All heavy atoms as atom14 arrays in JSON, in Angstrom:
{
  "sequence": "RIARKSSRTAGAIPIAVNDPILPYAPGSAERKALREALTKVE",
  "atom14_mask": [
    [1, 1, 1, 1, 1, 1, 1, 1, 1, 1, 1, 0, 0, 0],
    [1, 1, 1, 1, 1, 1, 1, 1, 0, 0, 0, 0, 0, 0],
    [1, 1, 1, 1, 1, 0, 0, 0, 0, 0, 0, 0, 0, 0],
    [1, 1, 1, 1, 1, 1, 1, 1, 1, 1, 1, 0, 0, 0],
    [1, 1, 1, 1, 1, 1, 1, 1, 1, 0, 0, 0, 0, 0],
    [1, 1, 1, 1, 1, 1, 0, 0, 0, 0, 0, 0, 0, 0],
    [1, 1, 1, 1, 1, 1, 0, 0, 0, 0, 0, 0, 0, 0],
    [1, 1, 1, 1, 1, 1, 1, 1, 1, 1, 1, 0, 0, 0],
    [1, 1, 1, 1, 1, 1, 1, 0, 0, 0, 0, 0, 0, 0],
    [1, 1, 1, 1, 1, 0, 0, 0, 0, 0, 0, 0, 0, 0],
    [1, 1, 1, 1, 0, 0, 0, 0, 0, 0, 0, 0, 0, 0],
    [1, 1, 1, 1, 1, 0, 0, 0, 0, 0, 0, 0, 0, 0],
    [1, 1, 1, 1, 1, 1, 1, 1, 0, 0, 0, 0, 0, 0],
    [1, 1, 1, 1, 1, 1, 1, 0, 0, 0, 0, 0, 0, 0],
    [1, 1, 1, 1, 1, 1, 1, 1, 0, 0, 0, 0, 0, 0],
    [1, 1, 1, 1, 1, 0, 0, 0, 0, 0, 0, 0, 0, 0],
    [1, 1, 1, 1, 1, 1, 1, 0, 0, 0, 0, 0, 0, 0],
    [1, 1, 1, 1, 1, 1, 1, 1, 0, 0, 0, 0, 0, 0],
    [1, 1, 1, 1, 1, 1, 1, 1, 0, 0, 0, 0, 0, 0],
    [1, 1, 1, 1, 1, 1, 1, 0, 0, 0, 0, 0, 0, 0],
    [1, 1, 1, 1, 1, 1, 1, 1, 0, 0, 0, 0, 0, 0],
    [1, 1, 1, 1, 1, 1, 1, 1, 0, 0, 0, 0, 0, 0],
    [1, 1, 1, 1, 1, 1, 1, 0, 0, 0, 0, 0, 0, 0],
    [1, 1, 1, 1, 1, 1, 1, 1, 1, 1, 1, 1, 0, 0],
    [1, 1, 1, 1, 1, 0, 0, 0, 0, 0, 0, 0, 0, 0],
    [1, 1, 1, 1, 1, 1, 1, 0, 0, 0, 0, 0, 0, 0],
    [1, 1, 1, 1, 0, 0, 0, 0, 0, 0, 0, 0, 0, 0],
    [1, 1, 1, 1, 1, 1, 0, 0, 0, 0, 0, 0, 0, 0],
    [1, 1, 1, 1, 1, 0, 0, 0, 0, 0, 0, 0, 0, 0],
    [1, 1, 1, 1, 1, 1, 1, 1, 1, 0, 0, 0, 0, 0],
    [1, 1, 1, 1, 1, 1, 1, 1, 1, 1, 1, 0, 0, 0],
    [1, 1, 1, 1, 1, 1, 1, 1, 1, 0, 0, 0, 0, 0],
    [1, 1, 1, 1, 1, 0, 0, 0, 0, 0, 0, 0, 0, 0],
    [1, 1, 1, 1, 1, 1, 1, 1, 0, 0, 0, 0, 0, 0],
    [1, 1, 1, 1, 1, 1, 1, 1, 1, 1, 1, 0, 0, 0],
    [1, 1, 1, 1, 1, 1, 1, 1, 1, 0, 0, 0, 0, 0],
    [1, 1, 1, 1, 1, 0, 0, 0, 0, 0, 0, 0, 0, 0],
    [1, 1, 1, 1, 1, 1, 1, 1, 0, 0, 0, 0, 0, 0],
    [1, 1, 1, 1, 1, 1, 1, 0, 0, 0, 0, 0, 0, 0],
    [1, 1, 1, 1, 1, 1, 1, 1, 1, 0, 0, 0, 0, 0],
    [1, 1, 1, 1, 1, 1, 1, 0, 0, 0, 0, 0, 0, 0],
    [1, 1, 1, 1, 1, 1, 1, 1, 1, 0, 0, 0, 0, 0]
  ],
  "atom14_positions": [
    [[-1.09, -56.12, -39.0], [-0.14, -56.81, -39.87], [0.17, -55.97, -41.1], [1.31, -55.81, -41.49], [-0.69, -58.17, -40.27], [0.34, -59.0, -41.02], [-0.23, -60.31, -41.5], [-1.15, -59.98, -42.57], [-2.28, -60.63, -42.83], [-2.65, -61.64, -42.1], [-3.06, -60.27, -43.8], [0.0, 0.0, 0.0], [0.0, 0.0, 0.0], [0.0, 0.0, 0.0]],
    [[-0.86, -55.38, -41.71], [-0.66, -54.54, -42.89], [0.17, -53.32, -42.53], [1.1, -52.96, -43.23], [-2.01, -54.11, -43.49], [-2.74, -55.32, -44.06], [-1.83, -53.06, -44.59], [-4.18, -55.04, -44.43], [0.0, 0.0, 0.0], [0.0, 0.0, 0.0], [0.0, 0.0, 0.0], [0.0, 0.0, 0.0], [0.0, 0.0, 0.0], [0.0, 0.0, 0.0]],
    [[-0.15, -52.69, -41.43], [0.56, -51.48, -41.02], [2.02, -51.78, -40.69], [2.9, -51.0, -41.01], [-0.14, -50.84, -39.84], [0.0, 0.0, 0.0], [0.0, 0.0, 0.0], [0.0, 0.0, 0.0], [0.0, 0.0, 0.0], [0.0, 0.0, 0.0], [0.0, 0.0, 0.0], [0.0, 0.0, 0.0], [0.0, 0.0, 0.0], [0.0, 0.0, 0.0]],
    [[2.28, -52.93, -40.06], [3.67, -53.29, -39.75], [4.47, -53.44, -41.03], [5.58, -52.97, -41.14], [3.72, -54.59, -38.94], [3.61, -54.39, -37.45], [4.06, -55.63, -36.69], [3.41, -56.85, -37.13], [2.24, -57.27, -36.71], [1.54, -56.58, -35.85], [1.73, -58.41, -37.15], [0.0, 0.0, 0.0], [0.0, 0.0, 0.0], [0.0, 0.0, 0.0]],
    [[3.89, -54.12, -42.02], [4.58, -54.28, -43.3], [4.82, -52.93, -43.95], [5.89, -52.67, -44.47], [3.76, -55.16, -44.25], [3.87, -56.63, -44.01], [3.11, -57.36, -45.09], [3.33, -58.84, -45.02], [2.62, -59.54, -46.07], [0.0, 0.0, 0.0], [0.0, 0.0, 0.0], [0.0, 0.0, 0.0], [0.0, 0.0, 0.0], [0.0, 0.0, 0.0]],
    [[3.82, -52.06, -43.93], [3.96, -50.79, -44.61], [4.96, -49.89, -43.91], [5.66, -49.12, -44.55], [2.61, -50.09, -44.74], [2.15, -49.69, -43.49], [0.0, 0.0, 0.0], [0.0, 0.0, 0.0], [0.0, 0.0, 0.0], [0.0, 0.0, 0.0], [0.0, 0.0, 0.0], [0.0, 0.0, 0.0], [0.0, 0.0, 0.0], [0.0, 0.0, 0.0]],
    [[5.07, -49.97, -42.58], [6.0, -49.09, -41.88], [7.44, -49.49, -42.17], [8.33, -48.66, -42.13], [5.72, -49.07, -40.38], [5.99, -50.33, -39.81], [0.0, 0.0, 0.0], [0.0, 0.0, 0.0], [0.0, 0.0, 0.0], [0.0, 0.0, 0.0], [0.0, 0.0, 0.0], [0.0, 0.0, 0.0], [0.0, 0.0, 0.0], [0.0, 0.0, 0.0]],
    [[7.68, -50.75, -42.5], [9.03, -51.18, -42.85], [9.45, -50.62, -44.2], [10.62, -50.47, -44.47], [9.1, -52.71, -42.88], [9.07, -53.34, -41.5], [9.51, -54.78, -41.58], [8.62, -55.58, -42.4], [7.66, -56.37, -41.93], [7.46, -56.45, -40.64], [6.92, -57.08, -42.73], [0.0, 0.0, 0.0], [0.0, 0.0, 0.0], [0.0, 0.0, 0.0]],
    [[8.46, -50.34, -45.06], [8.78, -49.83, -46.39], [8.58, -48.33, -46.47], [8.66, -47.75, -47.54], [7.89, -50.52, -47.44], [6.53, -50.23, -47.15], [8.12, -52.01, -47.49], [0.0, 0.0, 0.0], [0.0, 0.0, 0.0], [0.0, 0.0, 0.0], [0.0, 0.0, 0.0], [0.0, 0.0, 0.0], [0.0, 0.0, 0.0], [0.0, 0.0, 0.0]],
    [[8.31, -47.69, -45.33], [8.06, -46.26, -45.34], [9.29, -45.53, -45.84], [10.39, -45.77, -45.42], [7.68, -45.78, -43.95], [0.0, 0.0, 0.0], [0.0, 0.0, 0.0], [0.0, 0.0, 0.0], [0.0, 0.0, 0.0], [0.0, 0.0, 0.0], [0.0, 0.0, 0.0], [0.0, 0.0, 0.0], [0.0, 0.0, 0.0], [0.0, 0.0, 0.0]],
    [[9.08, -44.65, -46.78], [10.16, -43.85, -47.33], [9.62, -42.52, -47.74], [8.65, -42.04, -47.19], [0.0, 0.0, 0.0], [0.0, 0.0, 0.0], [0.0, 0.0, 0.0], [0.0, 0.0, 0.0], [0.0, 0.0, 0.0], [0.0, 0.0, 0.0], [0.0, 0.0, 0.0], [0.0, 0.0, 0.0], [0.0, 0.0, 0.0], [0.0, 0.0, 0.0]],
    [[10.24, -41.95, -48.72], [9.8, -40.66, -49.21], [8.44, -40.8, -49.88], [8.19, -41.77, -50.59], [10.82, -40.12, -50.2], [0.0, 0.0, 0.0], [0.0, 0.0, 0.0], [0.0, 0.0, 0.0], [0.0, 0.0, 0.0], [0.0, 0.0, 0.0], [0.0, 0.0, 0.0], [0.0, 0.0, 0.0], [0.0, 0.0, 0.0], [0.0, 0.0, 0.0]],
    [[7.6, -39.85, -49.64], [6.28, -39.85, -50.26], [6.44, -39.28, -51.67], [6.97, -38.18, -51.84], [5.28, -39.0, -49.45], [5.16, -39.54, -48.03], [3.93, -38.94, -50.13], [4.75, -40.98, -47.91], [0.0, 0.0, 0.0], [0.0, 0.0, 0.0], [0.0, 0.0, 0.0], [0.0, 0.0, 0.0], [0.0, 0.0, 0.0], [0.0, 0.0, 0.0]],
    [[6.01, -40.01, -52.68], [6.17, -39.51, -54.05], [5.28, -38.3, -54.3], [4.24, -38.13, -53.68], [5.72, -40.7, -54.91], [4.84, -41.5, -54.04], [5.33, -41.3, -52.63], [0.0, 0.0, 0.0], [0.0, 0.0, 0.0], [0.0, 0.0, 0.0], [0.0, 0.0, 0.0], [0.0, 0.0, 0.0], [0.0, 0.0, 0.0], [0.0, 0.0, 0.0]],
    [[5.73, -37.46, -55.19], [4.92, -36.33, -55.62], [3.78, -36.91, -56.47], [4.02, -37.66, -57.41], [5.74, -35.33, -56.47], [6.94, -34.82, -55.67], [4.87, -34.19, -56.97], [6.58, -34.04, -54.42], [0.0, 0.0, 0.0], [0.0, 0.0, 0.0], [0.0, 0.0, 0.0], [0.0, 0.0, 0.0], [0.0, 0.0, 0.0], [0.0, 0.0, 0.0]],
    [[2.56, -36.56, -56.11], [1.4, -37.11, -56.82], [1.29, -36.48, -58.21], [1.36, -35.26, -58.36], [0.14, -36.86, -56.01], [0.0, 0.0, 0.0], [0.0, 0.0, 0.0], [0.0, 0.0, 0.0], [0.0, 0.0, 0.0], [0.0, 0.0, 0.0], [0.0, 0.0, 0.0], [0.0, 0.0, 0.0], [0.0, 0.0, 0.0], [0.0, 0.0, 0.0]],
    [[1.16, -37.32, -59.2], [0.88, -36.9, -60.57], [-0.2, -37.83, -61.1], [-0.32, -38.97, -60.66], [2.13, -36.97, -61.49], [3.2, -35.99, -61.04], [2.7, -38.37, -61.53], [0.0, 0.0, 0.0], [0.0, 0.0, 0.0], [0.0, 0.0, 0.0], [0.0, 0.0, 0.0], [0.0, 0.0, 0.0], [0.0, 0.0, 0.0], [0.0, 0.0, 0.0]],
    [[-0.98, -37.34, -62.04], [-2.01, -38.19, -62.62], [-1.38, -39.41, -63.29], [-0.41, -39.28, -64.04], [-2.85, -37.43, -63.65], [-3.74, -36.41, -62.98], [-3.47, -35.23, -63.02], [-4.79, -36.87, -62.35], [0.0, 0.0, 0.0], [0.0, 0.0, 0.0], [0.0, 0.0, 0.0], [0.0, 0.0, 0.0], [0.0, 0.0, 0.0], [0.0, 0.0, 0.0]],
    [[-1.92, -40.57, -62.98], [-1.41, -41.79, -63.58], [-1.72, -41.78, -65.07], [-2.85, -41.45, -65.46], [-2.04, -43.02, -62.91], [-1.27, -44.27, -63.21], [-0.11, -44.35, -62.76], [-1.81, -45.15, -63.88], [0.0, 0.0, 0.0], [0.0, 0.0, 0.0], [0.0, 0.0, 0.0], [0.0, 0.0, 0.0], [0.0, 0.0, 0.0], [0.0, 0.0, 0.0]],
    [[-0.77, -42.15, -65.91], [-1.04, -42.13, -67.36], [-2.05, -43.21, -67.75], [-2.08, -44.29, -67.17], [0.33, -42.4, -67.98], [1.14, -43.04, -66.92], [0.6, -42.55, -65.6], [0.0, 0.0, 0.0], [0.0, 0.0, 0.0], [0.0, 0.0, 0.0], [0.0, 0.0, 0.0], [0.0, 0.0, 0.0], [0.0, 0.0, 0.0], [0.0, 0.0, 0.0]],
    [[-2.85, -42.89, -68.73], [-3.84, -43.82, -69.26], [-3.13, -44.75, -70.24], [-2.52, -44.28, -71.21], [-4.99, -43.07, -69.97], [-5.68, -42.15, -68.96], [-5.96, -44.04, -70.62], [-6.62, -41.15, -69.61], [0.0, 0.0, 0.0], [0.0, 0.0, 0.0], [0.0, 0.0, 0.0], [0.0, 0.0, 0.0], [0.0, 0.0, 0.0], [0.0, 0.0, 0.0]],
    [[-3.19, -46.03, -69.97], [-2.54, -46.99, -70.87], [-3.36, -47.1, -72.16], [-4.6, -47.12, -72.11], [-2.4, -48.35, -70.2], [-1.56, -48.39, -68.92], [-1.47, -49.82, -68.39], [-0.17, -47.82, -69.16], [0.0, 0.0, 0.0], [0.0, 0.0, 0.0], [0.0, 0.0, 0.0], [0.0, 0.0, 0.0], [0.0, 0.0, 0.0], [0.0, 0.0, 0.0]],
    [[-2.7, -47.23, -73.31], [-3.44, -47.23, -74.58], [-4.04, -48.59, -74.97], [-4.92, -48.65, -75.82], [-2.38, -46.8, -75.6], [-1.09, -47.23, -75.0], [-1.26, -47.11, -73.5], [0.0, 0.0, 0.0], [0.0, 0.0, 0.0], [0.0, 0.0, 0.0], [0.0, 0.0, 0.0], [0.0, 0.0, 0.0], [0.0, 0.0, 0.0], [0.0, 0.0, 0.0]],
    [[-3.56, -49.67, -74.42], [-4.03, -51.02, -74.77], [-3.95, -51.25, -76.28], [-4.86, -51.79, -76.9], [-5.45, -51.27, -74.23], [-5.47, -51.28, -72.73], [-5.68, -50.11, -72.0], [-5.23, -52.45, -72.03], [-5.65, -50.1, -70.62], [-5.21, -52.45, -70.64], [-5.42, -51.28, -69.95], [-5.39, -51.27, -68.57], [0.0, 0.0, 0.0], [0.0, 0.0, 0.0]],
    [[-2.83, -50.85, -76.84], [-2.61, -51.0, -78.28], [-2.5, -52.48, -78.66], [-2.07, -53.3, -77.83], [-1.33, -50.27, -78.69], [0.0, 0.0, 0.0], [0.0, 0.0, 0.0], [0.0, 0.0, 0.0], [0.0, 0.0, 0.0], [0.0, 0.0, 0.0], [0.0, 0.0, 0.0], [0.0, 0.0, 0.0], [0.0, 0.0, 0.0], [0.0, 0.0, 0.0]],
    [[-2.89, -52.82, -79.89], [-2.75, -54.22, -80.33], [-1.31, -54.7, -80.15], [-0.36, -53.99, -80.46], [-3.12, -54.16, -81.81], [-4.03, -52.97, -81.92], [-3.48, -51.98, -80.92], [0.0, 0.0, 0.0], [0.0, 0.0, 0.0], [0.0, 0.0, 0.0], [0.0, 0.0, 0.0], [0.0, 0.0, 0.0], [0.0, 0.0, 0.0], [0.0, 0.0, 0.0]],
    [[-1.19, -55.9, -79.57], [0.13, -56.49, -79.35], [0.83, -56.03, -78.09], [1.89, -56.55, -77.75], [0.0, 0.0, 0.0], [0.0, 0.0, 0.0], [0.0, 0.0, 0.0], [0.0, 0.0, 0.0], [0.0, 0.0, 0.0], [0.0, 0.0, 0.0], [0.0, 0.0, 0.0], [0.0, 0.0, 0.0], [0.0, 0.0, 0.0], [0.0, 0.0, 0.0]],
    [[0.24, -55.08, -77.35], [0.89, -54.57, -76.14], [0.74, -55.54, -74.97], [-0.2, -56.35, -74.94], [0.32, -53.2, -75.76], [-1.03, -53.33, -75.36], [0.0, 0.0, 0.0], [0.0, 0.0, 0.0], [0.0, 0.0, 0.0], [0.0, 0.0, 0.0], [0.0, 0.0, 0.0], [0.0, 0.0, 0.0], [0.0, 0.0, 0.0], [0.0, 0.0, 0.0]],
    [[1.64, -55.42, -74.03], [1.6, -56.28, -72.84], [0.32, -56.03, -72.04], [-0.29, -56.98, -71.53], [2.83, -56.02, -71.97], [0.0, 0.0, 0.0], [0.0, 0.0, 0.0], [0.0, 0.0, 0.0], [0.0, 0.0, 0.0], [0.0, 0.0, 0.0], [0.0, 0.0, 0.0], [0.0, 0.0, 0.0], [0.0, 0.0, 0.0], [0.0, 0.0, 0.0]],
    [[-0.09, -54.76, -71.92], [-1.29, -54.46, -71.13], [-2.55, -55.03, -71.79], [-3.47, -55.46, -71.12], [-1.44, -52.97, -70.84], [-1.72, -52.08, -72.03], [-0.48, -51.4, -72.6], [0.65, -51.83, -72.31], [-0.65, -50.43, -73.35], [0.0, 0.0, 0.0], [0.0, 0.0, 0.0], [0.0, 0.0, 0.0], [0.0, 0.0, 0.0], [0.0, 0.0, 0.0]],
    [[-2.57, -55.05, -73.12], [-3.73, -55.61, -73.82], [-3.8, -57.12, -73.61], [-4.87, -57.68, -73.38], [-3.68, -55.27, -75.31], [-4.95, -55.64, -76.04], [-4.84, -55.2, -77.5], [-6.08, -55.39, -78.21], [-6.71, -54.43, -78.86], [-6.23, -53.21, -78.88], [-7.81, -54.7, -79.5], [0.0, 0.0, 0.0], [0.0, 0.0, 0.0], [0.0, 0.0, 0.0]],
    [[-2.65, -57.77, -73.67], [-2.59, -59.22, -73.45], [-3.04, -59.55, -72.02], [-3.84, -60.46, -71.8], [-1.17, -59.73, -73.69], [-1.02, -61.22, -73.5], [0.41, -61.67, -73.8], [0.53, -63.17, -73.74], [1.04, -63.67, -72.5], [0.0, 0.0, 0.0], [0.0, 0.0, 0.0], [0.0, 0.0, 0.0], [0.0, 0.0, 0.0], [0.0, 0.0, 0.0]],
    [[-2.53, -58.8, -71.05], [-2.91, -59.04, -69.65], [-4.4, -58.8, -69.44], [-5.06, -59.56, -68.71], [-2.08, -58.13, -68.73], [0.0, 0.0, 0.0], [0.0, 0.0, 0.0], [0.0, 0.0, 0.0], [0.0, 0.0, 0.0], [0.0, 0.0, 0.0], [0.0, 0.0, 0.0], [0.0, 0.0, 0.0], [0.0, 0.0, 0.0], [0.0, 0.0, 0.0]],
    [[-4.95, -57.78, -70.06], [-6.38, -57.49, -69.93], [-7.22, -58.61, -70.54], [-8.22, -59.02, -69.95], [-6.72, -56.15, -70.58], [-8.2, -55.77, -70.5], [-8.64, -55.56, -69.06], [-8.48, -54.54, -71.34], [0.0, 0.0, 0.0], [0.0, 0.0, 0.0], [0.0, 0.0, 0.0], [0.0, 0.0, 0.0], [0.0, 0.0, 0.0], [0.0, 0.0, 0.0]],
    [[-6.84, -59.09, -71.72], [-7.59, -60.2, -72.34], [-7.62, -61.42, -71.42], [-8.65, -62.06, -71.26], [-6.99, -60.57, -73.69], [-7.33, -59.63, -74.8], [-6.84, -60.2, -76.14], [-6.99, -59.26, -77.2], [-8.1, -59.06, -77.9], [-9.17, -59.77, -77.61], [-8.14, -58.18, -78.87], [0.0, 0.0, 0.0], [0.0, 0.0, 0.0], [0.0, 0.0, 0.0]],
    [[-6.48, -61.74, -70.83], [-6.41, -62.88, -69.91], [-7.29, -62.65, -68.68], [-8.02, -63.54, -68.26], [-4.96, -63.13, -69.5], [-4.1, -63.67, -70.62], [-2.61, -63.71, -70.28], [-2.24, -63.38, -69.12], [-1.82, -64.07, -71.17], [0.0, 0.0, 0.0], [0.0, 0.0, 0.0], [0.0, 0.0, 0.0], [0.0, 0.0, 0.0], [0.0, 0.0, 0.0]],
    [[-7.22, -61.45, -68.13], [-8.02, -61.14, -66.94], [-9.51, -61.14, -67.26], [-10.32, -61.64, -66.48], [-7.6, -59.78, -66.37], [0.0, 0.0, 0.0], [0.0, 0.0, 0.0], [0.0, 0.0, 0.0], [0.0, 0.0, 0.0], [0.0, 0.0, 0.0], [0.0, 0.0, 0.0], [0.0, 0.0, 0.0], [0.0, 0.0, 0.0], [0.0, 0.0, 0.0]],
    [[-9.88, -60.62, -68.42], [-11.29, -60.59, -68.82], [-11.83, -62.0, -69.04], [-12.95, -62.31, -68.62], [-11.47, -59.73, -70.07], [-12.88, -59.29, -70.41], [-13.57, -58.59, -69.25], [-12.85, -58.37, -71.63], [0.0, 0.0, 0.0], [0.0, 0.0, 0.0], [0.0, 0.0, 0.0], [0.0, 0.0, 0.0], [0.0, 0.0, 0.0], [0.0, 0.0, 0.0]],
    [[-11.03, -62.85, -69.65], [-11.42, -64.25, -69.84], [-11.67, -64.92, -68.49], [-12.65, -65.63, -68.31], [-10.35, -65.02, -70.63], [-10.23, -64.43, -71.92], [-10.69, -66.49, -70.76], [0.0, 0.0, 0.0], [0.0, 0.0, 0.0], [0.0, 0.0, 0.0], [0.0, 0.0, 0.0], [0.0, 0.0, 0.0], [0.0, 0.0, 0.0], [0.0, 0.0, 0.0]],
    [[-10.78, -64.65, -67.53], [-10.93, -65.23, -66.19], [-12.19, -64.71, -65.5], [-12.97, -65.49, -64.94], [-9.7, -64.91, -65.35], [-9.73, -65.48, -63.96], [-8.49, -65.1, -63.19], [-8.61, -65.53, -61.74], [-7.5, -65.03, -60.93], [0.0, 0.0, 0.0], [0.0, 0.0, 0.0], [0.0, 0.0, 0.0], [0.0, 0.0, 0.0], [0.0, 0.0, 0.0]],
    [[-12.42, -63.4, -65.55], [-13.6, -62.81, -64.9], [-14.88, -63.36, -65.51], [-15.83, -63.68, -64.8], [-13.56, -61.27, -64.99], [-14.89, -60.65, -64.59], [-12.45, -60.7, -64.12], [0.0, 0.0, 0.0], [0.0, 0.0, 0.0], [0.0, 0.0, 0.0], [0.0, 0.0, 0.0], [0.0, 0.0, 0.0], [0.0, 0.0, 0.0], [0.0, 0.0, 0.0]],
    [[-14.92, -63.45, -66.82], [-16.14, -63.89, -67.5], [-16.38, -65.4, -67.4], [-17.48, -65.86, -67.66], [-16.11, -63.47, -68.96], [-16.25, -61.96, -69.13], [-16.2, -61.51, -70.57], [-15.59, -62.21, -71.42], [-16.77, -60.45, -70.86], [0.0, 0.0, 0.0], [0.0, 0.0, 0.0], [0.0, 0.0, 0.0], [0.0, 0.0, 0.0], [0.0, 0.0, 0.0]]
  ]
}
């Protein structure tokens, strides 16, 4: 099932580059999402 779904979306393979490190700055969307996720995990 997973492979069937993935083969429908098969396209160009992206050039691999290191994923940027998010800064989690105060007020940022990623910081807000992390706080919510951490509250849920804990």
